Amino acid sequence: MNDASSSAVDTIHSILRRRCDLQLSEMRVVGSGSSNSLVVIAESEPLGRIAVKAATTPRVPAVVQAARARALRREVRSNVPRVHAAMEDEGWDILIMEAPGEVVLGEVLGRHVGYEAVWSDVIRRVISLWGASRSEPYSPATCPRSHRLRCSSARAALAGFPPNRVDAHLMKVFAAWESIPPPAFGVFCHGDPQPMNVVLSNADWSFVDFEWCGPMHDWRMMFAHLIGWLPPLMTDAPRIDVTIRGRALRMLDTLPWTPSPADVSAIARYLALLWFRESQVAALTWSDARWDVQRQTLSRLTSINSGNTAERVRRLTDTLREVAHAALDISVARTQSH
C-alpha cells in the first residue's frame, strides 16, 4: 500500500468508525477498478469480512449502486453479496458490502484449470435472468447504461489518436455503432457481466461492481460482453477452432428466444465497440501494423449485416477465432522474447 492509499484508507476507517461504529483490521487494498475507486477488504467488528468501495468522484453514487445491488440480489440472491451501508462523508462516496472472496475470476480464467465451469455457470445465470425479466417495449430512458454516452466517449477517445490512424472508413464504422437500432425488449442484467466483475468464494461465486445494474438493458450489448472474453480464454491453437465456435453457438442456443439476423449484427457491432473501448488507451502505443489489425477486426465485425442468422453467426465466430489465434501468436512471441 503506497502513502496515498494508506492515507485514504486511514480517512475511510475514521469515517466508518464515526458513522457506523465499525472497527476494521487486516485492511488491504485489492484494486482501484476502472471507475477510479479504492477497494479495500477488511475484517470488521461486528460485520465480519467486508468490502469497502470508496471514491471522491464516483461515476455512479454509492447510494444508487447500493439500490441496484439490492435489486439484483432480489433476482439472484445467492450470487450477490449483502449491502451493509452507503454514504457520502468528507468528500468520500462509500459503499460497504459483504466480501465473499478476494480471487477475481478474470485473473484466473484461462490461466488455471477448472474455472471455465464457473464462467459457464455465470453465463447460465445471466441468460436465465434475461428470460425471467424480459420487458416490452424497450425503453432506453430506463436503461442504466446509455449507448449514446458510450459512443460519445469512444468518439472523444478517437480524437486523441494520431491523424494517420483515423480515416473516413473508420468514421463510418463509428457511425454504424451509433446507429444500432433498439431491441424489441429489455432485460434485467448486471450491466457489465464479465469475469473481472466476478469473485470466487469457497462454495460459489458472486458479482461485484453494480454501477450499471438494472432493468431495460439491451440484451445484445450484454451478450457482446459475455462473448467478448472468449478469445483471451483460448491458450492453445488446437482448442481455438472448436471451442470458440462451440461456446458461442451454445450460448446462442440457451437464449430463451431465437435471435434474428439483425440481432446477430447488433451483437457484432456492440462487440466491436466494446473491444475499441477496452483497448483505446493501449492502442495509442501500438505500432501502426498492430493498429491496422485491430481496425480491420472492428471493420469486419461492423460489416456483418447480410445473410441469414446462421451465416451471420458463422462470420462472427470466424472473427472471434482469428482474434484468438492472433492473441495466442502475440502471447507466444512475448514468451519467446523473455
Protein backbone atom coordinates (compact mmCIF):
# COMPACT_ATOMS: atom_id res chain seq x y z
CA MET A 1 0.00 0.00 0.00
CA ASN A 2 1.57 3.34 -1.03
CA ASP A 3 1.43 6.53 1.03
CA ALA A 4 -1.57 7.96 -0.86
CA SER A 5 -3.57 4.74 -0.48
CA SER A 6 -2.59 4.45 3.18
CA SER A 7 -3.76 7.99 3.87
CA ALA A 8 -7.05 7.35 2.05
CA VAL A 9 -7.64 4.10 3.95
CA ASP A 10 -7.00 5.88 7.27
CA THR A 11 -9.56 8.54 6.36
CA ILE A 12 -12.14 5.96 5.31
CA HIS A 13 -11.55 3.96 8.51
CA SER A 14 -12.10 7.10 10.55
CA ILE A 15 -15.37 7.79 8.74
CA LEU A 16 -16.63 4.25 9.29
CA ARG A 17 -15.76 4.34 13.00
CA ARG A 18 -17.66 7.58 13.40
CA ARG A 19 -20.64 6.82 11.17
CA CYS A 20 -21.09 3.08 11.62
CA ASP A 21 -19.15 2.27 14.80
CA LEU A 22 -17.06 -0.17 12.76
CA GLN A 23 -13.63 -1.31 13.91
CA LEU A 24 -11.52 -2.55 10.99
CA SER A 25 -8.46 -4.78 10.98
CA GLU A 26 -6.34 -6.62 8.42
CA MET A 27 -7.13 -3.93 5.85
CA ARG A 28 -5.73 -4.45 2.36
CA VAL A 29 -6.26 -2.60 -0.89
CA VAL A 30 -7.25 -5.11 -3.57
CA GLY A 31 -7.76 -2.79 -6.53
CA SER A 32 -8.99 0.51 -7.79
CA GLY A 33 -11.11 -0.66 -10.71
CA SER A 34 -11.87 1.19 -13.95
CA SER A 35 -14.09 3.61 -12.01
CA ASN A 36 -11.08 5.10 -10.14
CA SER A 37 -12.44 3.74 -6.88
CA LEU A 38 -10.41 2.45 -3.97
CA VAL A 39 -11.46 -1.09 -2.99
CA VAL A 40 -10.46 -2.32 0.47
CA ILE A 41 -11.07 -5.73 2.02
CA ALA A 42 -11.07 -5.76 5.82
CA GLU A 43 -12.15 -7.72 8.85
CA SER A 44 -14.69 -5.74 10.82
CA GLU A 45 -16.38 -5.80 14.15
CA PRO A 46 -19.27 -6.63 14.15
CA LEU A 47 -19.93 -7.32 10.42
CA GLY A 48 -17.11 -9.77 9.67
CA ARG A 49 -15.24 -9.55 6.39
CA ILE A 50 -16.37 -6.59 4.30
CA ALA A 51 -15.51 -4.88 1.03
CA VAL A 52 -15.36 -1.09 1.08
CA LYS A 53 -15.54 0.73 -2.25
CA ALA A 54 -14.72 4.43 -1.96
CA ALA A 55 -14.33 7.23 -4.49
CA THR A 56 -14.09 11.00 -4.47
CA THR A 57 -15.57 11.37 -7.97
CA PRO A 58 -17.82 8.32 -8.49
CA ARG A 59 -19.36 7.59 -11.87
CA VAL A 60 -22.46 6.41 -10.00
CA PRO A 61 -23.20 7.47 -6.39
CA ALA A 62 -22.81 4.77 -3.74
CA VAL A 63 -26.45 5.05 -2.68
CA VAL A 64 -27.53 4.31 -6.27
CA GLN A 65 -25.07 1.40 -6.51
CA ALA A 66 -26.47 0.03 -3.25
CA ALA A 67 -30.05 0.22 -4.55
CA ARG A 68 -29.03 -1.51 -7.78
CA ALA A 69 -27.15 -4.25 -5.91
CA ARG A 70 -30.18 -4.90 -3.72
CA ALA A 71 -32.40 -5.09 -6.81
CA LEU A 72 -30.08 -7.68 -8.39
CA ARG A 73 -29.90 -9.59 -5.10
CA ARG A 74 -33.67 -9.96 -5.18
CA GLU A 75 -33.30 -11.69 -8.55
CA VAL A 76 -30.18 -13.84 -7.95
CA ARG A 77 -29.79 -13.83 -4.17
CA SER A 78 -27.07 -16.47 -3.87
CA ASN A 79 -24.72 -14.60 -6.24
CA VAL A 80 -24.93 -11.06 -4.90
CA PRO A 81 -23.33 -10.04 -1.58
CA ARG A 82 -25.37 -8.24 1.05
CA VAL A 83 -25.22 -4.43 1.10
CA HIS A 84 -24.40 -3.07 4.57
CA ALA A 85 -24.38 0.68 4.01
CA ALA A 86 -23.82 3.53 1.55
CA MET A 87 -22.89 7.09 2.44
CA GLU A 88 -21.13 10.31 1.47
CA ASP A 89 -18.82 11.92 4.00
CA GLU A 90 -15.76 14.20 3.94
CA GLY A 91 -15.79 14.16 0.15
CA TRP A 92 -15.77 10.34 0.00
CA ASP A 93 -18.54 8.29 -1.58
CA ILE A 94 -18.55 4.94 0.25
CA LEU A 95 -20.25 1.60 -0.36
CA ILE A 96 -19.92 -1.22 2.22
CA MET A 97 -20.82 -4.80 1.29
CA GLU A 98 -20.10 -8.35 2.31
CA ALA A 99 -16.81 -9.71 0.96
CA PRO A 100 -17.47 -13.31 -0.09
CA GLY A 101 -13.97 -13.71 -1.54
CA GLU A 102 -10.94 -11.95 -2.98
CA VAL A 103 -9.98 -14.07 -6.00
CA VAL A 104 -11.29 -12.42 -9.17
CA LEU A 105 -12.44 -14.87 -11.84
CA GLY A 106 -10.93 -12.76 -14.61
CA GLU A 107 -7.47 -13.17 -13.08
CA VAL A 108 -7.55 -16.99 -13.11
CA LEU A 109 -9.84 -17.82 -16.04
CA GLY A 110 -7.85 -19.27 -18.92
CA ARG A 111 -4.69 -19.41 -16.80
CA HIS A 112 -5.61 -22.20 -14.38
CA VAL A 113 -7.61 -25.39 -14.87
CA GLY A 114 -11.15 -25.66 -13.55
CA TYR A 115 -12.52 -22.15 -13.84
CA GLU A 116 -14.27 -22.37 -17.22
CA ALA A 117 -17.08 -24.25 -15.47
CA VAL A 118 -17.57 -21.26 -13.15
CA TRP A 119 -17.75 -18.87 -16.10
CA SER A 120 -20.25 -21.19 -17.79
CA ASP A 121 -22.41 -21.04 -14.66
CA VAL A 122 -22.21 -17.24 -14.64
CA ILE A 123 -23.39 -17.19 -18.26
CA ARG A 124 -26.22 -19.61 -17.46
CA ARG A 125 -27.45 -17.50 -14.55
CA VAL A 126 -27.23 -14.26 -16.53
CA ILE A 127 -29.16 -15.61 -19.52
CA SER A 128 -31.74 -17.24 -17.22
CA LEU A 129 -32.34 -13.85 -15.60
CA TRP A 130 -32.82 -12.29 -19.02
CA GLY A 131 -35.56 -14.79 -19.81
CA ALA A 132 -37.32 -14.19 -16.49
CA SER A 133 -37.17 -10.39 -16.73
CA ARG A 134 -37.98 -9.74 -20.39
CA SER A 135 -39.96 -6.50 -20.65
CA GLU A 136 -41.64 -4.87 -23.65
CA PRO A 137 -41.48 -2.34 -25.14
CA TYR A 138 -37.84 -1.36 -24.78
CA SER A 139 -37.32 1.99 -23.03
CA PRO A 140 -33.77 3.38 -23.38
CA ALA A 141 -34.52 6.09 -20.80
CA THR A 142 -34.89 3.36 -18.15
CA CYS A 143 -31.67 1.53 -19.04
CA PRO A 144 -28.82 2.30 -16.59
CA ARG A 145 -26.22 2.07 -19.37
CA SER A 146 -26.54 4.71 -22.08
CA HIS A 147 -25.41 3.56 -25.50
CA ARG A 148 -25.35 7.17 -26.68
CA LEU A 149 -22.91 8.15 -23.93
CA ARG A 150 -20.69 5.12 -24.62
CA CYS A 151 -20.46 6.14 -28.28
CA SER A 152 -19.74 9.75 -27.33
CA SER A 153 -16.94 8.60 -25.03
CA ALA A 154 -15.49 6.43 -27.80
CA ARG A 155 -15.50 9.36 -30.23
CA ALA A 156 -13.82 11.55 -27.64
CA ALA A 157 -11.08 8.93 -27.26
CA LEU A 158 -10.63 8.75 -31.02
CA ALA A 159 -9.96 12.50 -31.09
CA GLY A 160 -6.71 11.79 -29.26
CA PHE A 161 -5.45 9.33 -31.88
CA PRO A 162 -2.73 10.26 -34.37
CA PRO A 163 -4.36 11.71 -37.53
CA ASN A 164 -2.92 8.94 -39.74
CA ARG A 165 -4.93 6.35 -37.80
CA VAL A 166 -8.31 7.96 -38.36
CA ASP A 167 -9.73 7.75 -41.87
CA ALA A 168 -13.15 8.05 -43.50
CA HIS A 169 -13.77 4.30 -43.31
CA LEU A 170 -13.16 4.23 -39.56
CA MET A 171 -15.58 7.12 -39.10
CA LYS A 172 -18.22 5.10 -41.00
CA VAL A 173 -17.59 2.26 -38.56
CA PHE A 174 -18.24 4.63 -35.67
CA ALA A 175 -21.41 5.87 -37.34
CA ALA A 176 -22.60 2.25 -37.63
CA TRP A 177 -22.07 1.74 -33.89
CA GLU A 178 -24.07 4.87 -33.13
CA SER A 179 -26.96 3.78 -35.33
CA ILE A 180 -27.57 0.31 -33.83
CA PRO A 181 -31.38 0.00 -33.76
CA PRO A 182 -33.03 -0.60 -30.37
CA PRO A 183 -34.02 -4.14 -29.35
CA ALA A 184 -37.62 -5.29 -29.24
CA PHE A 185 -37.46 -5.66 -25.45
CA GLY A 186 -35.26 -5.01 -22.44
CA VAL A 187 -33.92 -7.36 -19.77
CA PHE A 188 -32.69 -7.07 -16.19
CA CYS A 189 -28.91 -7.52 -16.05
CA HIS A 190 -25.80 -6.84 -14.00
CA GLY A 191 -24.82 -4.34 -16.69
CA ASP A 192 -21.18 -5.42 -17.09
CA PRO A 193 -21.25 -9.24 -16.99
CA GLN A 194 -17.59 -10.10 -17.45
CA PRO A 195 -15.09 -12.18 -15.43
CA MET A 196 -13.38 -9.21 -13.77
CA ASN A 197 -16.69 -8.50 -12.03
CA VAL A 198 -16.99 -11.98 -10.51
CA VAL A 199 -15.26 -13.04 -7.30
CA LEU A 200 -14.83 -16.60 -6.08
CA SER A 201 -15.69 -17.97 -2.67
CA ASN A 202 -15.14 -21.45 -1.28
CA ALA A 203 -18.53 -22.72 -2.43
CA ASP A 204 -19.73 -20.37 -5.15
CA TRP A 205 -19.18 -17.09 -6.97
CA SER A 206 -20.56 -13.58 -6.56
CA PHE A 207 -20.98 -10.50 -8.70
CA VAL A 208 -19.25 -7.25 -7.73
CA ASP A 209 -19.45 -3.73 -9.18
CA PHE A 210 -23.09 -2.75 -9.50
CA GLU A 211 -22.82 0.64 -11.19
CA TRP A 212 -24.79 -0.38 -14.29
CA CYS A 213 -27.14 -2.95 -12.77
CA GLY A 214 -30.84 -2.67 -13.52
CA PRO A 215 -33.74 -3.27 -15.92
CA MET A 216 -34.17 -2.46 -19.59
CA HIS A 217 -30.70 -3.46 -20.74
CA ASP A 218 -30.21 -4.25 -24.41
CA TRP A 219 -29.51 -7.99 -24.19
CA ARG A 220 -27.43 -7.82 -27.40
CA MET A 221 -24.99 -5.40 -25.76
CA MET A 222 -24.82 -7.66 -22.70
CA PHE A 223 -24.29 -10.73 -24.92
CA ALA A 224 -21.33 -8.94 -26.51
CA HIS A 225 -19.84 -8.56 -23.02
CA LEU A 226 -20.20 -12.32 -22.47
CA ILE A 227 -18.58 -13.42 -25.72
CA GLY A 228 -16.00 -10.63 -25.69
CA TRP A 229 -13.99 -12.73 -23.25
CA LEU A 230 -13.86 -15.85 -25.43
CA PRO A 231 -10.62 -15.11 -27.37
CA PRO A 232 -8.43 -14.47 -24.29
CA LEU A 233 -9.57 -17.78 -22.79
CA MET A 234 -8.01 -19.76 -25.60
CA THR A 235 -4.46 -20.72 -24.63
CA ASP A 236 -3.57 -23.29 -27.31
CA ALA A 237 -4.25 -23.42 -31.05
CA PRO A 238 -5.96 -26.87 -31.26
CA ARG A 239 -8.70 -25.72 -28.89
CA ILE A 240 -9.44 -22.41 -30.56
CA ASP A 241 -11.28 -23.52 -33.70
CA VAL A 242 -13.57 -25.94 -31.86
CA THR A 243 -14.12 -24.07 -28.62
CA ILE A 244 -14.77 -20.56 -29.94
CA ARG A 245 -17.48 -21.67 -32.33
CA GLY A 246 -18.92 -24.27 -29.97
CA ARG A 247 -19.11 -21.93 -26.97
CA ALA A 248 -20.66 -19.06 -28.93
CA LEU A 249 -23.25 -21.34 -30.53
CA ARG A 250 -24.15 -22.95 -27.18
CA MET A 251 -24.63 -19.51 -25.67
CA LEU A 252 -26.95 -18.50 -28.51
CA ASP A 253 -28.85 -21.78 -28.20
CA THR A 254 -29.51 -21.17 -24.49
CA LEU A 255 -31.27 -17.87 -25.16
CA PRO A 256 -34.99 -18.04 -24.27
CA TRP A 257 -35.73 -16.63 -27.73
CA THR A 258 -34.43 -17.11 -31.27
CA PRO A 259 -32.10 -14.28 -32.32
CA SER A 260 -32.87 -12.65 -35.65
CA PRO A 261 -30.24 -11.81 -38.29
CA ALA A 262 -30.44 -8.19 -37.14
CA ASP A 263 -29.78 -9.31 -33.55
CA VAL A 264 -26.54 -11.03 -34.61
CA SER A 265 -25.42 -7.88 -36.47
CA ALA A 266 -26.15 -5.78 -33.39
CA ILE A 267 -24.14 -8.18 -31.19
CA ALA A 268 -21.18 -7.93 -33.59
CA ARG A 269 -21.31 -4.11 -33.58
CA TYR A 270 -21.60 -3.95 -29.82
CA LEU A 271 -18.61 -6.30 -29.62
CA ALA A 272 -16.58 -4.03 -31.91
CA LEU A 273 -17.42 -1.01 -29.75
CA LEU A 274 -16.55 -2.95 -26.58
CA TRP A 275 -13.17 -4.03 -27.94
CA PHE A 276 -12.38 -0.49 -29.03
CA ARG A 277 -13.33 0.86 -25.61
CA GLU A 278 -11.24 -1.78 -23.83
CA SER A 279 -8.16 -1.17 -25.99
CA GLN A 280 -8.34 2.56 -26.70
CA VAL A 281 -5.64 3.53 -24.18
CA ALA A 282 -3.25 0.73 -25.18
CA ALA A 283 -3.86 1.44 -28.86
CA LEU A 284 -2.10 4.79 -28.55
CA THR A 285 1.20 2.96 -28.00
CA TRP A 286 0.61 0.20 -30.56
CA SER A 287 2.60 0.04 -33.76
CA ASP A 288 0.79 1.09 -36.94
CA ALA A 289 0.76 -2.56 -38.04
CA ARG A 290 -0.96 -3.74 -34.88
CA TRP A 291 -3.48 -0.91 -35.00
CA ASP A 292 -4.27 -1.83 -38.62
CA VAL A 293 -5.09 -5.38 -37.49
CA GLN A 294 -7.38 -4.00 -34.79
CA ARG A 295 -9.06 -1.63 -37.22
CA GLN A 296 -9.66 -4.47 -39.68
CA THR A 297 -11.22 -6.56 -36.90
CA LEU A 298 -13.54 -3.73 -35.89
CA SER A 299 -14.49 -3.21 -39.51
CA ARG A 300 -15.20 -6.90 -40.10
CA LEU A 301 -17.46 -7.12 -37.06
CA THR A 302 -19.30 -3.96 -38.06
CA SER A 303 -19.86 -5.19 -41.63
CA ILE A 304 -21.75 -8.34 -40.60
CA ASN A 305 -25.07 -7.13 -41.98
CA SER A 306 -26.13 -9.58 -44.70
CA GLY A 307 -27.28 -13.19 -44.84
CA ASN A 308 -29.48 -15.25 -42.53
CA THR A 309 -28.87 -15.80 -38.82
CA ALA A 310 -26.62 -18.85 -39.33
CA GLU A 311 -24.48 -17.06 -41.92
CA ARG A 312 -24.00 -14.03 -39.70
CA VAL A 313 -23.15 -16.22 -36.70
CA ARG A 314 -20.53 -18.01 -38.81
CA ARG A 315 -18.90 -14.70 -39.75
CA LEU A 316 -18.98 -13.59 -36.13
CA THR A 317 -17.39 -16.79 -34.82
CA ASP A 318 -14.81 -16.76 -37.63
CA THR A 319 -13.73 -13.31 -36.48
CA LEU A 320 -13.58 -14.46 -32.85
CA ARG A 321 -11.37 -17.39 -33.86
CA GLU A 322 -9.00 -15.17 -35.80
CA VAL A 323 -8.69 -12.78 -32.86
CA ALA A 324 -8.00 -15.73 -30.55
CA HIS A 325 -5.24 -17.02 -32.87
CA ALA A 326 -3.72 -13.53 -33.08
CA ALA A 327 -3.79 -13.19 -29.29
CA LEU A 328 -2.08 -16.57 -28.98
CA ASP A 329 0.60 -15.54 -31.50
CA ILE A 330 1.29 -12.37 -29.51
CA SER A 331 1.44 -14.34 -26.26
CA VAL A 332 3.87 -16.88 -27.74
CA ALA A 333 6.07 -14.12 -29.16
CA ARG A 334 6.23 -12.42 -25.76
CA THR A 335 7.13 -15.71 -24.06
CA GLN A 336 9.91 -16.41 -26.56
CA SER A 337 11.29 -12.86 -26.19
CA HIS A 338 11.77 -13.49 -22.49
